[in-house]
Amino acid sequence: MKKVCLDTDFLIALLRNKPEAVKRAEKYDFLNAEISTTSMNAFEVYLGAFRSKDVTKKKNTENTTNGQ
């Protein structure tokens, strides 16, 4: 069985539904590969999502304050 450790860049590309990442993930699925990642990669994805949410909230607040 093939073992694959997914890095942060790949995970983010997959979450963004990038065609190259989706195609590669489908290939891993077809090969019944054992998929893993590191706790650091998981943390980086989580932190990026958290910060992204924070930026979106800030933009929405600014738009409301400015009457947009």
N, C-alpha and C. Protein backbone atom coordinates (compact mmCIF):
# COMPACT_ATOMS: atom_id res chain seq x y z
N MET A 1 0.85 -1.18 0.00
CA MET A 1 0.00 0.00 0.00
C MET A 1 0.89 1.24 0.00
N LYS A 2 0.51 2.20 -0.81
CA LYS A 2 1.25 3.46 -0.89
C LYS A 2 0.87 4.35 0.28
N LYS A 3 1.87 4.98 0.91
CA LYS A 3 1.63 5.91 2.01
C LYS A 3 1.95 7.31 1.53
N VAL A 4 1.06 8.26 1.86
CA VAL A 4 1.22 9.64 1.40
C VAL A 4 1.00 10.57 2.58
N CYS A 5 1.93 11.48 2.78
CA CYS A 5 1.79 12.52 3.81
C CYS A 5 1.52 13.84 3.09
N LEU A 6 0.34 14.39 3.30
CA LEU A 6 -0.07 15.61 2.60
C LEU A 6 0.50 16.84 3.30
N ASP A 7 1.09 17.75 2.52
CA ASP A 7 1.64 18.97 3.10
C ASP A 7 0.60 20.09 3.09
N THR A 8 0.94 21.17 3.75
CA THR A 8 0.01 22.29 3.91
C THR A 8 -0.44 22.87 2.57
N ASP A 9 0.49 23.05 1.65
CA ASP A 9 0.13 23.61 0.34
C ASP A 9 -0.90 22.76 -0.37
N PHE A 10 -0.70 21.43 -0.31
CA PHE A 10 -1.65 20.53 -0.97
C PHE A 10 -3.01 20.60 -0.28
N LEU A 11 -3.02 20.59 1.04
CA LEU A 11 -4.29 20.63 1.78
C LEU A 11 -5.07 21.89 1.46
N ILE A 12 -4.38 23.02 1.39
CA ILE A 12 -5.05 24.29 1.08
C ILE A 12 -5.57 24.27 -0.36
N ALA A 13 -4.77 23.77 -1.28
CA ALA A 13 -5.22 23.66 -2.67
C ALA A 13 -6.46 22.77 -2.77
N LEU A 14 -6.47 21.69 -2.01
CA LEU A 14 -7.61 20.78 -2.02
C LEU A 14 -8.85 21.46 -1.43
N LEU A 15 -8.68 22.20 -0.34
CA LEU A 15 -9.80 22.93 0.26
C LEU A 15 -10.35 24.00 -0.68
N ARG A 16 -9.47 24.55 -1.51
CA ARG A 16 -9.90 25.56 -2.48
C ARG A 16 -10.39 24.95 -3.78
N ASN A 17 -10.44 23.62 -3.80
CA ASN A 17 -10.96 22.87 -4.95
C ASN A 17 -10.16 23.12 -6.22
N LYS A 18 -8.84 23.26 -6.08
CA LYS A 18 -7.96 23.44 -7.24
C LYS A 18 -7.94 22.13 -8.04
N PRO A 19 -8.13 22.22 -9.35
CA PRO A 19 -8.21 21.00 -10.17
C PRO A 19 -7.02 20.05 -10.03
N GLU A 20 -5.81 20.60 -9.94
CA GLU A 20 -4.63 19.72 -9.84
C GLU A 20 -4.67 18.92 -8.53
N ALA A 21 -5.05 19.59 -7.46
CA ALA A 21 -5.10 18.93 -6.15
C ALA A 21 -6.22 17.89 -6.11
N VAL A 22 -7.36 18.24 -6.67
CA VAL A 22 -8.49 17.31 -6.68
C VAL A 22 -8.12 16.06 -7.49
N LYS A 23 -7.49 16.28 -8.63
CA LYS A 23 -7.08 15.16 -9.48
C LYS A 23 -6.10 14.24 -8.74
N ARG A 24 -5.14 14.84 -8.06
CA ARG A 24 -4.16 14.04 -7.32
C ARG A 24 -4.83 13.30 -6.16
N ALA A 25 -5.76 13.94 -5.47
CA ALA A 25 -6.48 13.29 -4.37
C ALA A 25 -7.29 12.11 -4.89
N GLU A 26 -7.91 12.29 -6.05
CA GLU A 26 -8.66 11.18 -6.66
C GLU A 26 -7.73 10.03 -7.01
N LYS A 27 -6.52 10.35 -7.47
CA LYS A 27 -5.54 9.32 -7.79
C LYS A 27 -5.16 8.54 -6.52
N TYR A 28 -4.91 9.26 -5.43
CA TYR A 28 -4.58 8.61 -4.16
C TYR A 28 -5.73 7.70 -3.71
N ASP A 29 -6.95 8.19 -3.88
CA ASP A 29 -8.13 7.40 -3.52
C ASP A 29 -8.20 6.14 -4.36
N PHE A 30 -7.99 6.27 -5.65
CA PHE A 30 -8.03 5.14 -6.57
C PHE A 30 -6.98 4.08 -6.19
N LEU A 31 -5.81 4.56 -5.75
CA LEU A 31 -4.73 3.65 -5.37
C LEU A 31 -4.88 3.09 -3.95
N ASN A 32 -5.96 3.50 -3.27
CA ASN A 32 -6.18 3.12 -1.88
C ASN A 32 -4.98 3.48 -1.01
N ALA A 33 -4.42 4.64 -1.27
CA ALA A 33 -3.24 5.09 -0.52
C ALA A 33 -3.61 5.40 0.92
N GLU A 34 -2.67 5.15 1.81
CA GLU A 34 -2.85 5.51 3.21
C GLU A 34 -2.46 6.98 3.34
N ILE A 35 -3.45 7.82 3.63
CA ILE A 35 -3.26 9.27 3.66
C ILE A 35 -3.02 9.74 5.10
N SER A 36 -2.06 10.64 5.24
CA SER A 36 -1.80 11.24 6.55
C SER A 36 -1.31 12.66 6.35
N THR A 37 -1.19 13.36 7.45
CA THR A 37 -0.57 14.68 7.47
C THR A 37 0.07 14.83 8.83
N THR A 38 0.76 15.93 9.05
CA THR A 38 1.39 16.15 10.34
C THR A 38 0.52 17.07 11.19
N SER A 39 0.76 17.07 12.47
CA SER A 39 0.02 17.98 13.35
C SER A 39 0.37 19.43 13.01
N MET A 40 1.59 19.68 12.59
CA MET A 40 1.99 21.05 12.20
C MET A 40 1.21 21.50 10.97
N ASN A 41 1.04 20.61 9.98
CA ASN A 41 0.26 20.96 8.79
C ASN A 41 -1.19 21.25 9.17
N ALA A 42 -1.75 20.43 10.02
CA ALA A 42 -3.14 20.64 10.47
C ALA A 42 -3.26 21.99 11.17
N PHE A 43 -2.29 22.31 12.01
CA PHE A 43 -2.30 23.59 12.72
C PHE A 43 -2.22 24.76 11.75
N GLU A 44 -1.34 24.65 10.75
CA GLU A 44 -1.20 25.74 9.78
C GLU A 44 -2.49 25.97 9.01
N VAL A 45 -3.17 24.90 8.63
CA VAL A 45 -4.45 25.03 7.91
C VAL A 45 -5.49 25.67 8.82
N TYR A 46 -5.56 25.20 10.07
CA TYR A 46 -6.51 25.74 11.03
C TYR A 46 -6.25 27.22 11.28
N LEU A 47 -4.98 27.58 11.51
CA LEU A 47 -4.62 28.96 11.78
C LEU A 47 -4.95 29.85 10.58
N GLY A 48 -4.66 29.38 9.40
CA GLY A 48 -4.98 30.15 8.20
C GLY A 48 -6.48 30.37 8.05
N ALA A 49 -7.27 29.35 8.33
CA ALA A 49 -8.73 29.48 8.25
C ALA A 49 -9.23 30.44 9.32
N PHE A 50 -8.66 30.34 10.52
CA PHE A 50 -9.07 31.23 11.61
C PHE A 50 -8.75 32.68 11.26
N ARG A 51 -7.55 32.93 10.76
CA ARG A 51 -7.17 34.30 10.39
C ARG A 51 -8.01 34.81 9.22
N SER A 52 -8.32 33.94 8.29
CA SER A 52 -9.15 34.32 7.14
C SER A 52 -10.54 34.74 7.61
N LYS A 53 -11.09 34.00 8.55
CA LYS A 53 -12.40 34.32 9.12
C LYS A 53 -12.35 35.67 9.81
N ASP A 54 -11.27 35.93 10.52
CA ASP A 54 -11.08 37.19 11.23
C ASP A 54 -11.02 38.36 10.26
N VAL A 55 -10.31 38.19 9.14
CA VAL A 55 -10.19 39.24 8.13
C VAL A 55 -11.55 39.50 7.49
N THR A 56 -12.29 38.44 7.19
CA THR A 56 -13.62 38.59 6.60
C THR A 56 -14.54 39.34 7.54
N LYS A 57 -14.50 38.99 8.82
CA LYS A 57 -15.34 39.67 9.82
C LYS A 57 -14.97 41.15 9.90
N LYS A 58 -13.67 41.45 9.87
CA LYS A 58 -13.22 42.83 9.95
C LYS A 58 -13.68 43.62 8.72
N LYS A 59 -13.59 43.01 7.54
CA LYS A 59 -14.04 43.69 6.32
C LYS A 59 -15.53 43.96 6.39
N ASN A 60 -16.31 42.99 6.87
CA ASN A 60 -17.76 43.17 6.98
C ASN A 60 -18.09 44.29 7.95
N THR A 61 -17.36 44.39 9.04
CA THR A 61 -17.58 45.46 10.02
C THR A 61 -17.25 46.81 9.42
N GLU A 62 -16.15 46.89 8.67
CA GLU A 62 -15.76 48.14 8.03
C GLU A 62 -16.80 48.57 7.01
N ASN A 63 -17.33 47.62 6.24
CA ASN A 63 -18.34 47.95 5.24
C ASN A 63 -19.62 48.46 5.89
N THR A 64 -19.99 47.87 7.01
CA THR A 64 -21.19 48.30 7.73
C THR A 64 -20.99 49.69 8.31
N THR A 65 -19.81 49.93 8.87
CA THR A 65 -19.48 51.23 9.46
C THR A 65 -19.46 52.31 8.40
N ASN A 66 -18.98 51.99 7.20
CA ASN A 66 -18.87 52.98 6.13
C ASN A 66 -20.17 53.11 5.34
N GLY A 67 -21.19 52.39 5.73
CA GLY A 67 -22.48 52.49 5.05
C GLY A 67 -22.55 51.76 3.73
N GLN A 68 -21.67 50.80 3.52
CA GLN A 68 -21.66 50.05 2.25
C GLN A 68 -22.49 48.80 2.36
